[in-house]
Amino acid sequence: MDDSAREIGFIVTPVGEPNPIARIYSSTVLNLSPDRLANELKSAGFSLIESTERVYNSIAGIDERTTSFIFGV
């Protein structure tokens, strides 16, 4: 990884199984804006279910903005 990429985590929960077990995956991806990432996933056949943006304000004055997505297959 470098400044143009980051590691992201995925939690995948099977739907329609009697005892679904969530699996956690990780992948290195290019640093994309939230809108661009959502569009890339949509073009790959995923359906956007929910998008949540959060801003965390630290005591040191460093703000961190995160966007969480829920996509369906």
Protein backbone atom coordinates (compact mmCIF):
# COMPACT_ATOMS: atom_id res chain seq x y z
CA MET A 1 0.00 0.00 0.00
CA ASP A 2 0.98 3.60 -0.57
CA ASP A 3 -0.75 7.00 -0.61
CA SER A 4 -2.89 5.95 -3.58
CA ALA A 5 -4.31 2.82 -1.94
CA ARG A 6 -5.69 1.57 1.36
CA GLU A 7 -6.94 -1.65 2.89
CA ILE A 8 -10.68 -1.94 3.46
CA GLY A 9 -12.71 -4.60 5.23
CA PHE A 10 -15.86 -6.36 4.07
CA ILE A 11 -18.37 -8.21 6.25
CA VAL A 12 -20.39 -10.65 4.14
CA THR A 13 -23.54 -12.19 5.60
CA PRO A 14 -25.29 -14.92 3.57
CA VAL A 15 -29.01 -14.40 3.07
CA GLY A 16 -31.53 -17.24 3.05
CA GLU A 17 -29.45 -19.77 4.98
CA PRO A 18 -30.83 -21.33 8.20
CA ASN A 19 -27.73 -20.43 10.31
CA PRO A 20 -25.84 -17.77 8.35
CA ILE A 21 -22.22 -17.21 9.36
CA ALA A 22 -20.76 -13.81 8.51
CA ARG A 23 -17.35 -13.82 6.90
CA ILE A 24 -14.83 -11.00 7.02
CA TYR A 25 -12.68 -10.23 3.98
CA SER A 26 -10.15 -7.50 3.32
CA SER A 27 -8.82 -6.05 0.11
CA THR A 28 -6.44 -3.32 -0.98
CA VAL A 29 -8.23 -0.73 -3.09
CA LEU A 30 -7.36 2.53 -4.76
CA ASN A 31 -8.28 5.64 -2.79
CA LEU A 32 -11.58 6.52 -4.41
CA SER A 33 -14.10 9.10 -3.32
CA PRO A 34 -17.22 7.60 -1.73
CA ASP A 35 -19.28 8.48 -4.82
CA ARG A 36 -16.78 6.88 -7.19
CA LEU A 37 -16.52 3.72 -5.05
CA ALA A 38 -20.33 3.42 -4.95
CA ASN A 39 -20.52 3.86 -8.74
CA GLU A 40 -17.80 1.23 -9.30
CA LEU A 41 -19.66 -1.28 -7.11
CA LYS A 42 -22.97 -0.50 -8.83
CA SER A 43 -21.39 -1.03 -12.26
CA ALA A 44 -20.07 -4.39 -11.02
CA GLY A 45 -23.64 -5.52 -10.32
CA PHE A 46 -24.09 -4.65 -6.65
CA SER A 47 -27.21 -2.82 -5.40
CA LEU A 48 -26.77 0.04 -2.93
CA ILE A 49 -28.96 -0.54 0.12
CA GLU A 50 -27.64 2.11 2.50
CA SER A 51 -24.93 4.77 2.69
CA THR A 52 -23.93 6.48 5.96
CA GLU A 53 -21.41 9.29 6.31
CA ARG A 54 -19.82 10.08 9.67
CA VAL A 55 -17.36 12.71 10.86
CA TYR A 56 -15.23 11.99 13.93
CA ASN A 57 -13.69 14.95 15.74
CA SER A 58 -10.63 14.10 17.79
CA ILE A 59 -9.25 16.03 20.73
CA ALA A 60 -6.08 16.70 18.73
CA GLY A 61 -8.18 18.52 16.12
CA ILE A 62 -7.79 15.86 13.44
CA ASP A 63 -11.14 15.19 11.83
CA GLU A 64 -11.80 11.90 10.09
CA ARG A 65 -14.66 11.42 7.63
CA THR A 66 -15.84 7.89 6.88
CA THR A 67 -18.54 6.58 4.59
CA SER A 68 -20.07 3.15 5.19
CA PHE A 69 -22.01 1.29 2.51
CA ILE A 70 -24.33 -1.67 2.58
CA PHE A 71 -24.63 -3.36 -0.82
CA GLY A 72 -26.66 -6.36 -1.92
CA VAL A 73 -25.65 -8.88 -4.55
